[in-house]
Each structure stands twice: as C-alpha cells, then as structure tokens.
Amino acid sequence: KAGNPWKKKEWVLETLNAQYPRKVKVQCFGDRSD
C-alpha cells in the first residue's frame, strides 16, 4: 500500500527423523528470497 515492492517464495517440506512426519509450508520474504 505504501508503494514498496515485495516478493516471497514458498515451499512445502516434510519433516525428517520423526515417527509421524509432518508437512510444513514455509516461506521466505523480502531480500532473503534471493
């Protein structure tokens, strides 16, 4: 809304080394997405 550009990336990961693996959606926002 302030006129600043933004970007983000998203992935789905499945946990390792767990009795019951879970799926987790993670994101990376801003400069870290590069």
PDB file of all heavy atoms in Angstrom:
ATOM      1  N   LYS A   1       0.820  -1.209   0.000  1.00  0.00           N
ATOM      2  CA  LYS A   1       0.000   0.000   0.000  1.00  0.00           C
ATOM      3  C   LYS A   1       0.855   1.262   0.000  1.00  0.00           C
ATOM      4  O   LYS A   1       0.462   2.286  -0.521  1.00  0.00           O
ATOM      5  CB  LYS A   1      -0.930   0.018   1.208  1.00  0.00           C
ATOM      6  CG  LYS A   1      -2.016  -1.017   1.157  1.00  0.00           C
ATOM      7  CD  LYS A   1      -2.905  -0.931   2.397  1.00  0.00           C
ATOM      8  CE  LYS A   1      -3.939  -2.022   2.393  1.00  0.00           C
ATOM      9  NZ  LYS A   1      -4.773  -1.982   3.612  1.00  0.00           N
ATOM     10  N   ALA A   2       2.044   1.135   0.598  1.00  0.00           N
ATOM     11  CA  ALA A   2       2.960   2.278   0.662  1.00  0.00           C
ATOM     12  C   ALA A   2       3.759   2.439  -0.629  1.00  0.00           C
ATOM     13  O   ALA A   2       4.553   3.370  -0.746  1.00  0.00           O
ATOM     14  CB  ALA A   2       3.915   2.115   1.838  1.00  0.00           C
ATOM     15  N   GLY A   3       3.557   1.563  -1.589  1.00  0.00           N
ATOM     16  CA  GLY A   3       4.252   1.663  -2.866  1.00  0.00           C
ATOM     17  C   GLY A   3       5.584   0.948  -2.915  1.00  0.00           C
ATOM     18  O   GLY A   3       6.337   1.095  -3.885  1.00  0.00           O
ATOM     19  N   ASN A   4       5.901   0.148  -1.912  1.00  0.00           N
ATOM     20  CA  ASN A   4       7.168  -0.595  -1.883  1.00  0.00           C
ATOM     21  C   ASN A   4       6.996  -1.976  -2.515  1.00  0.00           C
ATOM     22  O   ASN A   4       6.020  -2.669  -2.218  1.00  0.00           O
ATOM     23  CB  ASN A   4       7.676  -0.756  -0.451  1.00  0.00           C
ATOM     24  CG  ASN A   4       7.927   0.575   0.215  1.00  0.00           C
ATOM     25  OD1 ASN A   4       8.438   1.491  -0.407  1.00  0.00           O
ATOM     26  ND2 ASN A   4       7.552   0.692   1.480  1.00  0.00           N
ATOM     27  N   PRO A   5       7.943  -2.394  -3.347  1.00  0.00           N
ATOM     28  CA  PRO A   5       7.836  -3.736  -3.933  1.00  0.00           C
ATOM     29  C   PRO A   5       8.162  -4.807  -2.886  1.00  0.00           C
ATOM     30  O   PRO A   5       8.946  -4.585  -1.974  1.00  0.00           O
ATOM     31  CB  PRO A   5       8.897  -3.722  -5.041  1.00  0.00           C
ATOM     32  CG  PRO A   5       9.878  -2.682  -4.627  1.00  0.00           C
ATOM     33  CD  PRO A   5       9.107  -1.657  -3.842  1.00  0.00           C
ATOM     34  N   TRP A   6       7.525  -5.977  -3.016  1.00  0.00           N
ATOM     35  CA  TRP A   6       7.782  -7.099  -2.132  1.00  0.00           C
ATOM     36  C   TRP A   6       7.768  -8.385  -2.957  1.00  0.00           C
ATOM     37  O   TRP A   6       7.209  -8.418  -4.056  1.00  0.00           O
ATOM     38  CB  TRP A   6       6.766  -7.196  -0.997  1.00  0.00           C
ATOM     39  CG  TRP A   6       5.349  -7.388  -1.466  1.00  0.00           C
ATOM     40  CD1 TRP A   6       4.443  -6.421  -1.729  1.00  0.00           C
ATOM     41  CD2 TRP A   6       4.708  -8.640  -1.768  1.00  0.00           C
ATOM     42  NE1 TRP A   6       3.259  -6.966  -2.163  1.00  0.00           N
ATOM     43  CE2 TRP A   6       3.399  -8.337  -2.194  1.00  0.00           C
ATOM     44  CE3 TRP A   6       5.096  -9.959  -1.712  1.00  0.00           C
ATOM     45  CZ2 TRP A   6       2.489  -9.323  -2.571  1.00  0.00           C
ATOM     46  CZ3 TRP A   6       4.186 -10.945  -2.083  1.00  0.00           C
ATOM     47  CH2 TRP A   6       2.896 -10.620  -2.502  1.00  0.00           C
ATOM     48  N   LYS A   7       8.393  -9.417  -2.405  1.00  0.00           N
ATOM     49  CA  LYS A   7       8.331 -10.742  -3.029  1.00  0.00           C
ATOM     50  C   LYS A   7       8.535 -11.799  -1.962  1.00  0.00           C
ATOM     51  O   LYS A   7       9.132 -11.545  -0.913  1.00  0.00           O
ATOM     52  CB  LYS A   7       9.350 -10.887  -4.152  1.00  0.00           C
ATOM     53  CG  LYS A   7      10.785 -10.759  -3.743  1.00  0.00           C
ATOM     54  CD  LYS A   7      11.682 -10.879  -4.965  1.00  0.00           C
ATOM     55  CE  LYS A   7      13.113 -10.511  -4.592  1.00  0.00           C
ATOM     56  NZ  LYS A   7      13.989 -10.619  -5.737  1.00  0.00           N
ATOM     57  N   LYS A   8       8.014 -12.990  -2.229  1.00  0.00           N
ATOM     58  CA  LYS A   8       8.196 -14.113  -1.323  1.00  0.00           C
ATOM     59  C   LYS A   8       8.179 -15.413  -2.111  1.00  0.00           C
ATOM     60  O   LYS A   8       7.585 -15.503  -3.187  1.00  0.00           O
ATOM     61  CB  LYS A   8       7.152 -14.137  -0.212  1.00  0.00           C
ATOM     62  CG  LYS A   8       5.769 -14.559  -0.634  1.00  0.00           C
ATOM     63  CD  LYS A   8       4.849 -14.668   0.577  1.00  0.00           C
ATOM     64  CE  LYS A   8       3.444 -15.075   0.152  1.00  0.00           C
ATOM     65  NZ  LYS A   8       2.568 -15.269   1.296  1.00  0.00           N
ATOM     66  N   LYS A   9       8.872 -16.414  -1.549  1.00  0.00           N
ATOM     67  CA  LYS A   9       8.881 -17.765  -2.098  1.00  0.00           C
ATOM     68  C   LYS A   9       8.298 -18.695  -1.047  1.00  0.00           C
ATOM     69  O   LYS A   9       8.442 -18.454   0.153  1.00  0.00           O
ATOM     70  CB  LYS A   9      10.315 -18.221  -2.408  1.00  0.00           C
ATOM     71  CG  LYS A   9      10.983 -17.471  -3.531  1.00  0.00           C
ATOM     72  CD  LYS A   9      12.391 -18.016  -3.725  1.00  0.00           C
ATOM     73  CE  LYS A   9      13.146 -17.254  -4.776  1.00  0.00           C
ATOM     74  NZ  LYS A   9      14.538 -17.739  -4.900  1.00  0.00           N
ATOM     75  N   GLU A  10       7.662 -19.776  -1.502  1.00  0.00           N
ATOM     76  CA  GLU A  10       7.053 -20.735  -0.577  1.00  0.00           C
ATOM     77  C   GLU A  10       7.392 -22.165  -1.007  1.00  0.00           C
ATOM     78  O   GLU A  10       7.466 -22.456  -2.202  1.00  0.00           O
ATOM     79  CB  GLU A  10       5.534 -20.569  -0.542  1.00  0.00           C
ATOM     80  CG  GLU A  10       5.079 -19.236  -0.002  1.00  0.00           C
ATOM     81  CD  GLU A  10       3.568 -19.093  -0.002  1.00  0.00           C
ATOM     82  OE1 GLU A  10       2.917 -19.522  -0.989  1.00  0.00           O
ATOM     83  OE2 GLU A  10       3.038 -18.565   0.981  1.00  0.00           O
ATOM     84  N   TRP A  11       7.584 -23.025  -0.002  1.00  0.00           N
ATOM     85  CA  TRP A  11       7.868 -24.434  -0.214  1.00  0.00           C
ATOM     86  C   TRP A  11       7.057 -25.263   0.777  1.00  0.00           C
ATOM     87  O   TRP A  11       6.659 -24.774   1.821  1.00  0.00           O
ATOM     88  CB  TRP A  11       9.341 -24.756   0.054  1.00  0.00           C
ATOM     89  CG  TRP A  11      10.313 -24.038  -0.805  1.00  0.00           C
ATOM     90  CD1 TRP A  11      10.842 -24.454  -1.998  1.00  0.00           C
ATOM     91  CD2 TRP A  11      10.923 -22.771  -0.539  1.00  0.00           C
ATOM     92  NE1 TRP A  11      11.732 -23.527  -2.476  1.00  0.00           N
ATOM     93  CE2 TRP A  11      11.796 -22.479  -1.595  1.00  0.00           C
ATOM     94  CE3 TRP A  11      10.804 -21.842   0.491  1.00  0.00           C
ATOM     95  CZ2 TRP A  11      12.555 -21.329  -1.654  1.00  0.00           C
ATOM     96  CZ3 TRP A  11      11.556 -20.685   0.434  1.00  0.00           C
ATOM     97  CH2 TRP A  11      12.419 -20.439  -0.629  1.00  0.00           C
ATOM     98  N   VAL A  12       6.875 -26.536   0.457  1.00  0.00           N
ATOM     99  CA  VAL A  12       6.308 -27.499   1.401  1.00  0.00           C
ATOM    100  C   VAL A  12       7.408 -28.498   1.712  1.00  0.00           C
ATOM    101  O   VAL A  12       8.006 -29.086   0.796  1.00  0.00           O
ATOM    102  CB  VAL A  12       5.070 -28.217   0.830  1.00  0.00           C
ATOM    103  CG1 VAL A  12       4.552 -29.257   1.818  1.00  0.00           C
ATOM    104  CG2 VAL A  12       3.983 -27.217   0.483  1.00  0.00           C
ATOM    105  N   LEU A  13       7.701 -28.670   3.006  1.00  0.00           N
ATOM    106  CA  LEU A  13       8.712 -29.620   3.457  1.00  0.00           C
ATOM    107  C   LEU A  13       8.041 -30.701   4.283  1.00  0.00           C
ATOM    108  O   LEU A  13       7.027 -30.453   4.941  1.00  0.00           O
ATOM    109  CB  LEU A  13       9.771 -28.936   4.324  1.00  0.00           C
ATOM    110  CG  LEU A  13      10.836 -28.117   3.602  1.00  0.00           C
ATOM    111  CD1 LEU A  13      10.318 -26.763   3.214  1.00  0.00           C
ATOM    112  CD2 LEU A  13      12.049 -27.996   4.470  1.00  0.00           C
ATOM    113  N   GLU A  14       8.622 -31.885   4.243  1.00  0.00           N
ATOM    114  CA  GLU A  14       8.172 -32.977   5.102  1.00  0.00           C
ATOM    115  C   GLU A  14       9.271 -33.228   6.120  1.00  0.00           C
ATOM    116  O   GLU A  14      10.441 -33.396   5.752  1.00  0.00           O
ATOM    117  CB  GLU A  14       7.901 -34.235   4.285  1.00  0.00           C
ATOM    118  CG  GLU A  14       7.325 -35.363   5.112  1.00  0.00           C
ATOM    119  CD  GLU A  14       6.881 -36.521   4.240  1.00  0.00           C
ATOM    120  OE1 GLU A  14       7.738 -37.109   3.570  1.00  0.00           O
ATOM    121  OE2 GLU A  14       5.685 -36.826   4.237  1.00  0.00           O
ATOM    122  N   THR A  15       8.901 -33.248   7.401  1.00  0.00           N
ATOM    123  CA  THR A  15       9.896 -33.395   8.458  1.00  0.00           C
ATOM    124  C   THR A  15      10.573 -34.756   8.371  1.00  0.00           C
ATOM    125  O   THR A  15       9.955 -35.757   8.000  1.00  0.00           O
ATOM    126  CB  THR A  15       9.268 -33.219   9.845  1.00  0.00           C
ATOM    127  OG1 THR A  15       8.226 -34.185  10.016  1.00  0.00           O
ATOM    128  CG2 THR A  15       8.710 -31.824  10.023  1.00  0.00           C
ATOM    129  N   LEU A  16      11.856 -34.769   8.727  1.00  0.00           N
ATOM    130  CA  LEU A  16      12.654 -35.999   8.737  1.00  0.00           C
ATOM    131  C   LEU A  16      12.840 -36.464  10.167  1.00  0.00           C
ATOM    132  O   LEU A  16      12.684 -35.698  11.109  1.00  0.00           O
ATOM    133  CB  LEU A  16      14.027 -35.731   8.119  1.00  0.00           C
ATOM    134  CG  LEU A  16      14.052 -35.274   6.665  1.00  0.00           C
ATOM    135  CD1 LEU A  16      15.477 -34.963   6.244  1.00  0.00           C
ATOM    136  CD2 LEU A  16      13.455 -36.334   5.754  1.00  0.00           C
ATOM    137  N   ASN A  17      13.244 -37.721  10.329  1.00  0.00           N
ATOM    138  CA  ASN A  17      13.594 -38.291  11.632  1.00  0.00           C
ATOM    139  C   ASN A  17      12.474 -38.172  12.650  1.00  0.00           C
ATOM    140  O   ASN A  17      12.713 -37.909  13.814  1.00  0.00           O
ATOM    141  CB  ASN A  17      14.868 -37.652  12.186  1.00  0.00           C
ATOM    142  CG  ASN A  17      16.048 -37.855  11.277  1.00  0.00           C
ATOM    143  OD1 ASN A  17      16.142 -38.881  10.622  1.00  0.00           O
ATOM    144  ND2 ASN A  17      16.931 -36.886  11.228  1.00  0.00           N
ATOM    145  N   ALA A  18      11.265 -38.328  12.214  1.00  0.00           N
ATOM    146  CA  ALA A  18      10.128 -38.276  13.132  1.00  0.00           C
ATOM    147  C   ALA A  18       9.299 -39.546  12.952  1.00  0.00           C
ATOM    148  O   ALA A  18       9.216 -40.089  11.855  1.00  0.00           O
ATOM    149  CB  ALA A  18       9.272 -37.050  12.847  1.00  0.00           C
ATOM    150  N   GLN A  19       8.680 -39.979  14.033  1.00  0.00           N
ATOM    151  CA  GLN A  19       7.833 -41.167  13.939  1.00  0.00           C
ATOM    152  C   GLN A  19       6.657 -40.894  13.001  1.00  0.00           C
ATOM    153  O   GLN A  19       6.266 -41.753  12.230  1.00  0.00           O
ATOM    154  CB  GLN A  19       7.333 -41.560  15.321  1.00  0.00           C
ATOM    155  CG  GLN A  19       6.532 -42.835  15.308  1.00  0.00           C
ATOM    156  CD  GLN A  19       6.121 -43.270  16.707  1.00  0.00           C
ATOM    157  OE1 GLN A  19       6.384 -42.597  17.678  1.00  0.00           O
ATOM    158  NE2 GLN A  19       5.454 -44.400  16.789  1.00  0.00           N
ATOM    159  N   TYR A  20       6.103 -39.694  13.084  1.00  0.00           N
ATOM    160  CA  TYR A  20       4.988 -39.296  12.236  1.00  0.00           C
ATOM    161  C   TYR A  20       5.398 -38.033  11.484  1.00  0.00           C
ATOM    162  O   TYR A  20       5.222 -36.924  11.990  1.00  0.00           O
ATOM    163  CB  TYR A  20       3.735 -39.033  13.067  1.00  0.00           C
ATOM    164  CG  TYR A  20       3.317 -40.229  13.886  1.00  0.00           C
ATOM    165  CD1 TYR A  20       3.515 -40.257  15.258  1.00  0.00           C
ATOM    166  CD2 TYR A  20       2.742 -41.338  13.281  1.00  0.00           C
ATOM    167  CE1 TYR A  20       3.143 -41.357  16.012  1.00  0.00           C
ATOM    168  CE2 TYR A  20       2.373 -42.444  14.019  1.00  0.00           C
ATOM    169  CZ  TYR A  20       2.570 -42.444  15.390  1.00  0.00           C
ATOM    170  OH  TYR A  20       2.207 -43.537  16.128  1.00  0.00           O
ATOM    171  N   PRO A  21       5.960 -38.176  10.268  1.00  0.00           N
ATOM    172  CA  PRO A  21       6.394 -36.988   9.518  1.00  0.00           C
ATOM    173  C   PRO A  21       5.230 -36.036   9.257  1.00  0.00           C
ATOM    174  O   PRO A  21       4.097 -36.459   9.021  1.00  0.00           O
ATOM    175  CB  PRO A  21       6.926 -37.567   8.212  1.00  0.00           C
ATOM    176  CG  PRO A  21       7.228 -39.000   8.516  1.00  0.00           C
ATOM    177  CD  PRO A  21       6.242 -39.413   9.563  1.00  0.00           C
ATOM    178  N   ARG A  22       5.521 -34.757   9.345  1.00  0.00           N
ATOM    179  CA  ARG A  22       4.519 -33.708   9.123  1.00  0.00           C
ATOM    180  C   ARG A  22       4.919 -32.880   7.916  1.00  0.00           C
ATOM    181  O   ARG A  22       6.091 -32.702   7.622  1.00  0.00           O
ATOM    182  CB  ARG A  22       4.452 -32.775  10.331  1.00  0.00           C
ATOM    183  CG  ARG A  22       4.205 -33.457  11.635  1.00  0.00           C
ATOM    184  CD  ARG A  22       2.745 -33.713  11.819  1.00  0.00           C
ATOM    185  NE  ARG A  22       2.500 -34.178  13.178  1.00  0.00           N
ATOM    186  CZ  ARG A  22       1.601 -35.068  13.474  1.00  0.00           C
ATOM    187  NH1 ARG A  22       0.861 -35.589  12.547  1.00  0.00           N
ATOM    188  NH2 ARG A  22       1.421 -35.447  14.712  1.00  0.00           N
ATOM    189  N   LYS A  23       3.941 -32.346   7.243  1.00  0.00           N
ATOM    190  CA  LYS A  23       4.188 -31.427   6.145  1.00  0.00           C
ATOM    191  C   LYS A  23       4.046 -30.004   6.684  1.00  0.00           C
ATOM    192  O   LYS A  23       3.096 -29.697   7.400  1.00  0.00           O
ATOM    193  CB  LYS A  23       3.216 -31.677   5.010  1.00  0.00           C
ATOM    194  CG  LYS A  23       3.475 -33.010   4.319  1.00  0.00           C
ATOM    195  CD  LYS A  23       2.467 -33.270   3.230  1.00  0.00           C
ATOM    196  CE  LYS A  23       2.742 -34.545   2.493  1.00  0.00           C
ATOM    197  NZ  LYS A  23       2.620 -35.742   3.292  1.00  0.00           N
ATOM    198  N   VAL A  24       5.036 -29.153   6.342  1.00  0.00           N
ATOM    199  CA  VAL A  24       5.055 -27.789   6.842  1.00  0.00           C
ATOM    200  C   VAL A  24       5.281 -26.850   5.657  1.00  0.00           C
ATOM    201  O   VAL A  24       6.238 -27.031   4.899  1.00  0.00           O
ATOM    202  CB  VAL A  24       6.195 -27.588   7.877  1.00  0.00           C
ATOM    203  CG1 VAL A  24       6.217 -26.164   8.380  1.00  0.00           C
ATOM    204  CG2 VAL A  24       6.060 -28.570   9.024  1.00  0.00           C
ATOM    205  N   LYS A  25       4.398 -25.862   5.499  1.00  0.00           N
ATOM    206  CA  LYS A  25       4.600 -24.841   4.466  1.00  0.00           C
ATOM    207  C   LYS A  25       5.447 -23.736   5.063  1.00  0.00           C
ATOM    208  O   LYS A  25       5.125 -23.186   6.116  1.00  0.00           O
ATOM    209  CB  LYS A  25       3.277 -24.255   3.976  1.00  0.00           C
ATOM    210  CG  LYS A  25       3.481 -23.266   2.818  1.00  0.00           C
ATOM    211  CD  LYS A  25       2.204 -22.574   2.440  1.00  0.00           C
ATOM    212  CE  LYS A  25       1.955 -21.489   3.424  1.00  0.00           C
ATOM    213  NZ  LYS A  25       1.632 -20.194   3.011  1.00  0.00           N
ATOM    214  N   VAL A  26       6.567 -23.437   4.395  1.00  0.00           N
ATOM    215  CA  VAL A  26       7.458 -22.383   4.863  1.00  0.00           C
ATOM    216  C   VAL A  26       7.547 -21.317   3.780  1.00  0.00           C
ATOM    217  O   VAL A  26       7.255 -21.567   2.601  1.00  0.00           O
ATOM    218  CB  VAL A  26       8.863 -22.927   5.205  1.00  0.00           C
ATOM    219  CG1 VAL A  26       8.798 -23.945   6.334  1.00  0.00           C
ATOM    220  CG2 VAL A  26       9.544 -23.521   3.993  1.00  0.00           C
ATOM    221  N   GLN A  27       7.937 -20.118   4.210  1.00  0.00           N
ATOM    222  CA  GLN A  27       8.064 -19.025   3.251  1.00  0.00           C
ATOM    223  C   GLN A  27       9.337 -18.244   3.527  1.00  0.00           C
ATOM    224  O   GLN A  27       9.895 -18.300   4.615  1.00  0.00           O
ATOM    225  CB  GLN A  27       6.869 -18.093   3.331  1.00  0.00           C
ATOM    226  CG  GLN A  27       6.805 -17.304   4.623  1.00  0.00           C
ATOM    227  CD  GLN A  27       5.624 -16.364   4.648  1.00  0.00           C
ATOM    228  OE1 GLN A  27       4.732 -16.438   3.821  1.00  0.00           O
ATOM    229  NE2 GLN A  27       5.612 -15.459   5.605  1.00  0.00           N
ATOM    230  N   CYS A  28       9.763 -17.535   2.519  1.00  0.00           N
ATOM    231  CA  CYS A  28      10.915 -16.653   2.635  1.00  0.00           C
ATOM    232  C   CYS A  28      10.489 -15.330   2.021  1.00  0.00           C
ATOM    233  O   CYS A  28      10.025 -15.282   0.884  1.00  0.00           O
ATOM    234  CB  CYS A  28      12.096 -17.262   1.892  1.00  0.00           C
ATOM    235  SG  CYS A  28      13.596 -16.357   2.119  1.00  0.00           S
ATOM    236  N   PHE A  29      10.620 -14.254   2.780  1.00  0.00           N
ATOM    237  CA  PHE A  29      10.054 -12.970   2.388  1.00  0.00           C
ATOM    238  C   PHE A  29      11.154 -11.928   2.200  1.00  0.00           C
ATOM    239  O   PHE A  29      12.140 -11.920   2.922  1.00  0.00           O
ATOM    240  CB  PHE A  29       9.076 -12.501   3.470  1.00  0.00           C
ATOM    241  CG  PHE A  29       8.213 -11.348   3.066  1.00  0.00           C
ATOM    242  CD1 PHE A  29       7.102 -11.543   2.266  1.00  0.00           C
ATOM    243  CD2 PHE A  29       8.526 -10.068   3.477  1.00  0.00           C
ATOM    244  CE1 PHE A  29       6.306 -10.479   1.896  1.00  0.00           C
ATOM    245  CE2 PHE A  29       7.737  -8.991   3.112  1.00  0.00           C
ATOM    246  CZ  PHE A  29       6.621  -9.204   2.315  1.00  0.00           C
ATOM    247  N   GLY A  30      10.968 -11.054   1.242  1.00  0.00           N
ATOM    248  CA  GLY A  30      11.872  -9.917   1.055  1.00  0.00           C
ATOM    249  C   GLY A  30      13.211 -10.297   0.446  1.00  0.00           C
ATOM    250  O   GLY A  30      13.307 -11.164  -0.420  1.00  0.00           O
ATOM    251  N   ASP A  31      14.276  -9.635   0.935  1.00  0.00           N
ATOM    252  CA  ASP A  31      15.616  -9.843   0.384  1.00  0.00           C
ATOM    253  C   ASP A  31      16.114 -11.267   0.574  1.00  0.00           C
ATOM    254  O   ASP A  31      16.934 -11.749  -0.208  1.00  0.00           O
ATOM    255  CB  ASP A  31      16.612  -8.877   1.026  1.00  0.00           C
ATOM    256  CG  ASP A  31      16.324  -7.427   0.664  1.00  0.00           C
ATOM    257  OD1 ASP A  31      15.662  -7.195  -0.374  1.00  0.00           O
ATOM    258  OD2 ASP A  31      16.744  -6.536   1.427  1.00  0.00           O
ATOM    259  N   ARG A  32      15.660 -11.935   1.592  1.00  0.00           N
ATOM    260  CA  ARG A  32      16.115 -13.317   1.833  1.00  0.00           C
ATOM    261  C   ARG A  32      15.656 -14.262   0.719  1.00  0.00           C
ATOM    262  O   ARG A  32      16.261 -15.299   0.505  1.00  0.00           O
ATOM    263  CB  ARG A  32      15.595 -13.819   3.172  1.00  0.00           C
ATOM    264  CG  ARG A  32      16.289 -13.154   4.329  1.00  0.00           C
ATOM    265  CD  ARG A  32      16.154 -13.997   5.581  1.00  0.00           C
ATOM    266  NE  ARG A  32      16.996 -13.461   6.620  1.00  0.00           N
ATOM    267  CZ  ARG A  32      16.539 -12.877   7.713  1.00  0.00           C
ATOM    268  NH1 ARG A  32      15.245 -12.781   7.908  1.00  0.00           N
ATOM    269  NH2 ARG A  32      17.374 -12.422   8.620  1.00  0.00           N
ATOM    270  N   SER A  33      14.585 -13.908   0.028  1.00  0.00           N
ATOM    271  CA  SER A  33      14.106 -14.792  -1.029  1.00  0.00           C
ATOM    272  C   SER A  33      15.100 -14.886  -2.186  1.00  0.00           C
ATOM    273  O   SER A  33      15.047 -15.835  -2.963  1.00  0.00           O
ATOM    274  CB  SER A  33      12.727 -14.351  -1.528  1.00  0.00           C
ATOM    275  OG  SER A  33      12.805 -13.077  -2.130  1.00  0.00           O
ATOM    276  N   ASP A  34      16.021 -13.922  -2.295  1.00  0.00           N
ATOM    277  CA  ASP A  34      17.059 -14.017  -3.322  1.00  0.00           C
ATOM    278  C   ASP A  34      18.160 -14.988  -2.919  1.00  0.00           C
ATOM    279  O   ASP A  34      18.757 -15.651  -3.759  1.00  0.00           O
ATOM    280  CB  ASP A  34      17.681 -12.636  -3.587  1.00  0.00           C
ATOM    281  CG  ASP A  34      16.697 -11.680  -4.244  1.00  0.00           C
ATOM    282  OD1 ASP A  34      15.793 -12.149  -4.960  1.00  0.00           O
ATOM    283  OD2 ASP A  34      16.837 -10.460  -4.026  1.00  0.00           O
TER     284      ASP A  34
END
